[in-house]
């Protein structure tokens, strides 16, 4: 289940996940990671045995590979279960005690795992609320979040943003009606916290001649939205995800959600309570990774996989080396 991108778990996938988790547990679909050492040769996790898992979308696998590589460099015996198939299997593995470390998103924890409907716009407050619930209900430790937020947003091509002087969604709301044209996918269009409520929040209601007429909205596959937005045809503004590699590759401007409609989806390393009690040094090690991660960096790393075709394990290793976190 990725940030806002994969929200629905069907009964069929749930049955498949249950079958996969029975018996031996998960099987990695993403291969292995590279051997490395910490720069000073220290091994603070010497003797530790850890299972690192991740969800199967690009960013999840990258975060898993970065984590597996770094913790192994710190001396841990790491089992790599990154790229867990299905949208719920990595979460279930951690709940079952079959996996120890998993990157999650605060919005996912709040909405999907705990069915909360309150919109908390402050990333730190949302993290704290999720942290407390997860620790109480599941004995999972949500470590302090990284500085990247993989949430919904709207983007525009750089020429269009400059021509229309649009840098925020409030700027879009102030444009003449003919300029308020949008490309969205079906899932976002129909979400209870998606497109139509967002327009209402910004005072430009859907299917209103003075707001956003239905003819101003084109519904298409999520992947096509990016190219349509880059071409500014058939829309000036397209639904995007803030850490997607195509944002930078296509030189899109991410519009500021200045009314704070979208829930934060801050990336957070989650560790089983029993494991972090046994190896408290994980707080520092995973914190070191977190403090390096930003929206722009994740766009770069995701782009290297999704656009350039590089292997996630190679991208993770190269980035850790470039930051001098491993040798």
Protein backbone atom coordinates (compact mmCIF):
# COMPACT_ATOMS: atom_id res chain seq x y z
CA UNK A 1 0.00 0.00 0.00
CA UNK A 2 1.80 3.10 -1.09
CA UNK A 3 1.23 6.55 0.26
CA UNK A 4 -1.96 7.72 -1.41
CA UNK A 5 -1.40 5.65 -4.52
CA UNK A 6 -2.72 2.29 -3.43
CA UNK A 7 -5.60 2.62 -1.04
CA UNK A 8 -7.95 -0.24 -1.79
CA UNK A 9 -7.32 -3.87 -0.85
CA UNK A 10 -9.77 -6.21 -2.54
CA UNK A 11 -11.02 -9.38 -0.96
CA UNK A 12 -9.13 -11.38 -3.56
CA UNK A 13 -5.80 -9.73 -2.80
CA UNK A 14 -6.43 -10.16 0.90
CA UNK A 15 -6.89 -13.90 0.38
CA UNK A 16 -3.75 -14.07 -1.73
CA UNK A 17 -1.79 -12.21 0.94
CA UNK A 18 -3.08 -14.50 3.65
CA UNK A 19 -1.96 -17.53 1.67
CA UNK A 20 1.45 -16.03 1.02
CA UNK A 21 1.99 -15.20 4.67
CA UNK A 22 1.06 -18.65 5.84
CA UNK A 23 3.83 -21.16 6.42
CA UNK A 24 7.22 -19.83 5.39
CA UNK A 25 6.21 -16.16 5.16
CA UNK A 26 7.17 -13.66 2.51
CA UNK A 27 9.48 -14.18 -0.43
CA UNK A 28 11.36 -11.20 -1.80
CA UNK A 29 10.56 -10.23 -5.37
CA UNK A 30 13.42 -7.74 -5.60
CA UNK A 31 16.63 -9.76 -5.30
CA UNK A 32 19.38 -8.71 -2.95
CA UNK A 33 21.39 -5.69 -1.85
CA UNK A 34 25.08 -4.78 -2.08
CA UNK A 35 27.67 -5.51 0.60
CA UNK A 36 29.20 -2.46 2.24
CA UNK A 37 30.78 -1.17 5.44
CA UNK A 38 30.31 1.95 7.51
CA UNK A 39 32.97 4.58 6.76
CA UNK A 40 34.74 4.09 10.09
CA UNK A 41 34.43 0.31 9.98
CA UNK A 42 32.22 0.24 13.08
CA UNK A 43 29.68 -2.57 13.48
CA UNK A 44 27.08 -1.32 15.98
CA UNK A 45 24.63 -4.04 14.92
CA UNK A 46 27.11 -6.90 15.05
CA UNK A 47 25.17 -10.08 15.91
CA UNK A 48 21.76 -8.62 15.12
CA UNK A 49 19.46 -10.55 12.80
CA UNK A 50 16.95 -8.30 11.05
CA UNK A 51 14.30 -8.77 8.38
CA UNK A 52 13.73 -5.70 6.19
CA UNK A 53 10.62 -5.64 4.04
CA UNK A 54 8.96 -3.10 1.76
CA UNK A 55 5.98 -2.62 -0.45
CA UNK A 56 6.35 -3.31 -4.14
CA UNK A 57 6.16 0.16 -5.70
CA UNK A 58 9.42 1.87 -6.67
CA UNK A 59 9.80 4.22 -3.73
CA UNK A 60 9.02 1.50 -1.22
CA UNK A 61 11.60 -0.84 -2.73
CA UNK A 62 14.22 1.93 -2.82
CA UNK A 63 13.69 2.75 0.84
CA UNK A 64 13.91 -0.94 1.67
CA UNK A 65 17.14 -1.38 -0.28
CA UNK A 66 18.69 1.70 1.32
CA UNK A 67 17.75 0.36 4.75
CA UNK A 68 18.91 -3.21 4.12
CA UNK A 69 22.24 -2.03 2.71
CA UNK A 70 22.90 0.41 5.53
CA UNK A 71 21.92 -1.87 8.39
CA UNK A 72 23.99 -4.70 6.92
CA UNK A 73 26.92 -2.29 6.62
CA UNK A 74 26.45 -1.63 10.34
CA UNK A 75 26.98 -5.33 11.02
CA UNK A 76 23.48 -6.80 10.98
CA UNK A 77 22.63 -10.10 9.34
CA UNK A 78 19.84 -8.76 7.12
CA UNK A 79 17.20 -10.81 5.33
CA UNK A 80 15.97 -8.83 2.34
CA UNK A 81 12.21 -9.14 1.81
CA UNK A 82 11.84 -5.89 -0.11
CA UNK A 83 9.23 -5.69 -2.83
CA UNK A 84 6.67 -7.78 -0.96
CA UNK A 85 3.94 -8.65 -3.47
CA UNK A 86 0.46 -7.42 -2.80
CA UNK A 87 -0.50 -4.16 -1.16
CA UNK A 88 -0.86 -5.46 2.39
CA UNK A 89 1.64 -8.28 2.74
CA UNK A 90 4.55 -6.24 4.11
CA UNK A 91 2.34 -4.66 6.75
CA UNK A 92 0.90 -8.04 7.73
CA UNK A 93 4.37 -9.56 7.91
CA UNK A 94 5.41 -6.91 10.40
CA UNK A 95 2.25 -7.35 12.45
CA UNK A 96 2.88 -11.11 12.48
CA UNK A 97 6.47 -10.65 13.62
CA UNK A 98 7.85 -12.03 10.33
CA UNK A 99 9.47 -8.69 9.39
CA UNK A 100 11.22 -6.16 11.60
CA UNK A 101 11.69 -2.94 9.62
CA UNK A 102 9.33 -1.34 7.09
CA UNK A 103 8.96 2.17 5.68
CA UNK A 104 5.42 3.49 6.01
CA UNK A 105 3.54 6.74 5.43
CA UNK A 106 1.75 8.67 8.15
CA UNK A 107 -1.33 9.25 5.98
CA UNK A 108 -1.55 5.53 5.25
CA UNK A 109 -1.38 4.73 8.94
CA UNK A 110 -4.03 7.30 9.80
CA UNK A 111 -6.56 6.63 7.04
CA UNK A 112 -6.01 3.04 5.94
CA UNK A 113 -4.85 1.29 9.07
CA UNK A 114 -6.95 3.17 11.61
CA UNK A 115 -9.86 4.47 9.52
CA UNK A 116 -9.51 8.04 10.75
CA UNK A 117 -11.33 10.78 8.84
CA UNK A 118 -10.01 13.89 10.58
CA UNK A 119 -7.63 15.87 8.35
CA UNK A 120 -4.51 16.84 10.28
CA UNK A 121 -2.45 19.17 8.13
CA UNK A 122 0.56 19.46 10.43
CA UNK A 123 2.98 16.63 9.51
CA UNK A 124 4.49 16.40 12.98
CA UNK A 125 1.13 16.27 14.73
CA UNK A 126 -0.10 13.57 12.37
CA UNK A 127 3.05 11.54 12.95
CA UNK A 128 2.62 11.80 16.71
CA UNK A 129 -1.00 10.68 16.55
CA UNK A 130 -0.13 7.69 14.35
CA UNK A 131 2.92 6.90 16.48
CA UNK A 132 0.86 6.74 19.65
CA UNK A 133 -1.91 4.57 18.17
CA UNK A 134 0.51 2.13 16.56
CA UNK A 135 2.58 1.78 19.70
CA UNK A 136 -0.52 1.19 21.81
CA UNK A 137 -2.34 -1.16 19.44
CA UNK A 138 0.48 -3.05 17.72
CA UNK A 139 3.72 -2.40 19.63
CA UNK A 140 5.20 -0.83 16.52
CA UNK A 141 7.60 2.08 16.84
CA UNK A 142 7.15 4.80 14.21
CA UNK A 143 10.46 6.65 14.28
CA UNK A 144 10.57 10.43 13.61
CA UNK A 145 9.58 11.04 9.97
CA UNK A 146 11.87 11.98 7.13
CA UNK A 147 11.54 15.31 5.34
CA UNK A 148 9.71 13.94 2.35
CA UNK A 149 5.97 13.85 1.82
CA UNK A 150 4.64 11.55 -0.90
CA UNK A 151 1.15 12.94 -1.13
CA UNK A 152 -1.29 14.13 -3.75
CA UNK A 153 -0.64 17.48 -5.41
CA UNK A 154 -1.38 19.33 -8.61
CA UNK A 155 1.31 20.25 -11.08
CA UNK A 156 1.67 22.39 -14.16
CA UNK A 157 4.28 22.72 -16.86
CA UNK A 158 6.79 25.46 -16.12
CA UNK A 159 5.64 27.62 -19.08
CA UNK A 160 2.00 27.28 -18.04
CA UNK A 161 2.71 28.09 -14.40
CA UNK A 162 4.65 31.17 -15.48
CA UNK A 163 2.06 32.27 -18.05
CA UNK A 164 -0.82 31.95 -15.60
CA UNK A 165 1.22 33.12 -12.60
CA UNK A 166 0.07 30.00 -10.74
CA UNK A 167 2.19 28.80 -7.84
CA UNK A 168 -0.55 27.62 -5.49
CA UNK A 169 -4.02 26.11 -5.65
CA UNK A 170 -5.41 29.44 -4.47
CA UNK A 171 -3.80 31.01 -7.54
CA UNK A 172 -5.62 28.44 -9.67
CA UNK A 173 -8.90 29.26 -7.95
CA UNK A 174 -8.41 32.93 -8.87
CA UNK A 175 -7.97 32.22 -12.60
CA UNK A 176 -10.73 32.76 -15.16
CA UNK A 177 -12.98 29.72 -15.52
CA UNK A 178 -11.62 28.71 -18.98
CA UNK A 179 -8.11 28.40 -17.51
CA UNK A 180 -9.20 26.06 -14.70
CA UNK A 181 -8.70 22.82 -16.62
CA UNK A 182 -7.67 19.62 -14.86
CA UNK A 183 -6.48 16.09 -15.64
CA UNK A 184 -7.17 13.49 -12.95
CA UNK A 185 -7.47 9.73 -12.72
CA UNK A 186 -10.74 7.99 -11.89
CA UNK A 187 -9.68 6.94 -8.40
CA UNK A 188 -8.75 10.47 -7.33
CA UNK A 189 -11.85 11.90 -8.98
CA UNK A 190 -14.16 9.69 -6.91
CA UNK A 191 -12.32 9.70 -3.55
CA UNK A 192 -14.11 11.15 -0.55
CA UNK A 193 -10.93 13.13 0.16
CA UNK A 194 -10.06 13.67 -3.50
CA UNK A 195 -10.80 16.00 -6.37
CA UNK A 196 -14.36 17.21 -5.77
CA UNK A 197 -13.87 17.98 -2.05
CA UNK A 198 -10.59 19.70 -2.92
CA UNK A 199 -12.36 22.01 -5.39
CA UNK A 200 -14.97 22.77 -2.75
CA UNK A 201 -12.22 23.62 -0.25
CA UNK A 202 -10.79 26.16 -2.69
CA UNK A 203 -14.16 27.71 -3.50
CA UNK A 204 -14.43 26.46 -7.08
CA UNK A 205 -17.04 23.69 -6.89
CA UNK A 206 -17.25 21.00 -9.53
CA UNK A 207 -19.89 21.13 -12.26
CA UNK A 208 -20.57 24.78 -11.50
CA UNK A 209 -20.35 27.36 -14.31
CA UNK A 210 -18.56 29.74 -11.95
CA UNK A 211 -16.35 27.03 -10.49
CA UNK A 212 -15.06 24.10 -12.53
CA UNK A 213 -17.52 22.99 -15.24
CA UNK A 214 -17.49 19.26 -15.92
CA UNK A 215 -16.11 19.95 -19.39
CA UNK A 216 -12.97 21.40 -17.77
CA UNK A 217 -12.03 18.02 -16.30
CA UNK A 218 -10.45 15.17 -18.23
CA UNK A 219 -10.27 11.77 -16.57
CA UNK A 220 -7.44 9.51 -17.71
CA UNK A 221 -4.95 6.91 -16.53
CA UNK A 222 -2.69 8.25 -13.78
CA UNK A 223 0.45 7.70 -15.86
CA UNK A 224 -0.91 9.68 -18.80
CA UNK A 225 -1.70 12.64 -16.54
CA UNK A 226 1.99 13.53 -16.30
CA UNK A 227 2.58 13.80 -20.05
CA UNK A 228 -0.72 15.64 -20.56
CA UNK A 229 0.26 18.12 -17.85
CA UNK A 230 3.72 18.61 -19.35
CA UNK A 231 2.11 19.38 -22.73
CA UNK A 232 -0.62 21.54 -21.12
CA UNK A 233 -3.13 19.63 -23.22
CA UNK A 234 -5.92 18.92 -22.61
CA UNK A 235 -5.37 20.48 -19.19
CA UNK A 236 -3.36 23.18 -17.51
CA UNK A 237 -3.18 21.33 -14.18
CA UNK A 238 -2.71 17.63 -13.49
CA UNK A 239 -2.87 15.42 -10.42
CA UNK A 240 0.60 14.22 -9.45
CA UNK A 241 2.45 12.62 -6.56
CA UNK A 242 5.02 14.87 -4.96
CA UNK A 243 7.98 12.46 -5.02
CA UNK A 244 7.35 10.93 -8.45
CA UNK A 245 10.45 10.96 -10.67
CA UNK A 246 8.47 12.41 -13.56
CA UNK A 247 7.97 15.69 -11.71
CA UNK A 248 11.61 16.62 -12.19
CA UNK A 249 12.08 14.77 -15.47
CA UNK A 250 9.21 16.69 -17.09
CA UNK A 251 10.09 19.98 -15.35
CA UNK A 252 6.70 20.25 -13.66
CA UNK A 253 5.89 22.89 -11.07
CA UNK A 254 4.26 21.46 -7.92
CA UNK A 255 1.52 23.83 -6.81
CA UNK A 256 1.41 24.73 -3.14
CA UNK A 257 -1.58 23.33 -1.28
CA UNK A 258 -1.84 26.58 0.66
CA UNK A 259 -5.21 25.73 2.22
CA UNK A 260 -3.73 22.45 3.54
CA UNK A 261 -6.36 20.18 2.04
CA UNK A 262 -4.19 17.11 1.42
CA UNK A 263 -3.20 14.88 4.29
CA UNK A 264 0.57 14.57 4.84
CA UNK A 265 2.16 11.28 3.81
CA UNK A 266 5.51 11.62 5.53
CA UNK A 267 7.86 8.67 5.05
CA UNK A 268 8.64 6.95 8.33
CA UNK A 269 10.74 3.96 9.31
CA UNK A 270 8.67 1.57 11.43
CA UNK A 271 10.32 -1.02 13.69
CA UNK A 272 8.78 -3.74 15.81
CA UNK A 273 8.88 -2.72 19.46
CA UNK A 274 10.68 -5.87 20.61
CA UNK A 275 13.39 -5.30 18.02
CA UNK A 276 14.06 -1.65 18.83
CA UNK A 277 14.16 -2.52 22.53
CA UNK A 278 16.80 -5.13 21.74
CA UNK A 279 18.75 -2.90 19.34
CA UNK A 280 18.17 0.73 20.40
CA UNK A 281 21.01 1.79 18.10
CA UNK A 282 18.48 1.41 15.26
CA UNK A 283 17.06 4.79 16.28
CA UNK A 284 20.31 6.52 15.40
CA UNK A 285 21.02 4.48 12.28
CA UNK A 286 17.56 4.86 10.77
CA UNK A 287 17.51 8.49 11.86
CA UNK A 288 20.67 9.04 9.82
CA UNK A 289 18.87 7.78 6.73
CA UNK A 290 15.75 9.83 7.46
CA UNK A 291 17.57 13.12 7.84
CA UNK A 292 18.95 12.82 4.31
CA UNK A 293 15.63 12.18 2.55
CA UNK A 294 13.73 15.03 0.85
CA UNK A 295 11.05 15.35 -1.83
CA UNK A 296 13.64 16.36 -4.41
CA UNK A 297 15.96 13.48 -3.55
CA UNK A 298 13.14 10.94 -3.78
CA UNK A 299 12.16 12.38 -7.16
CA UNK A 300 15.76 11.82 -8.30
CA UNK A 301 16.01 8.27 -6.95
CA UNK A 302 12.57 7.23 -8.20
CA UNK A 303 13.43 8.68 -11.61
CA UNK A 304 16.62 6.65 -11.83
CA UNK A 305 14.54 3.49 -11.50
CA UNK A 306 11.32 4.39 -13.32
CA UNK A 307 12.77 6.56 -16.10
CA UNK A 308 16.39 5.45 -16.48
CA UNK A 309 15.73 1.78 -15.78
CA UNK A 310 18.36 1.31 -13.06
CA UNK A 311 18.12 -1.47 -10.48
CA UNK A 312 16.85 -0.25 -7.08
CA UNK A 313 19.68 -2.07 -5.27
CA UNK A 314 22.26 -0.23 -7.40
CA UNK A 315 20.56 3.13 -6.88
CA UNK A 316 20.41 2.59 -3.12
CA UNK A 317 24.08 1.58 -2.94
CA UNK A 318 25.28 4.45 -5.13
CA UNK A 319 23.31 7.00 -3.14
CA UNK A 320 24.59 5.74 0.21
CA UNK A 321 28.13 5.94 -1.15
CA UNK A 322 27.59 9.44 -2.54
CA UNK A 323 26.45 10.59 0.90
CA UNK A 324 29.49 8.90 2.47
CA UNK A 325 27.23 6.78 4.64
CA UNK A 326 28.96 3.57 3.48
CA UNK A 327 32.17 2.53 1.82
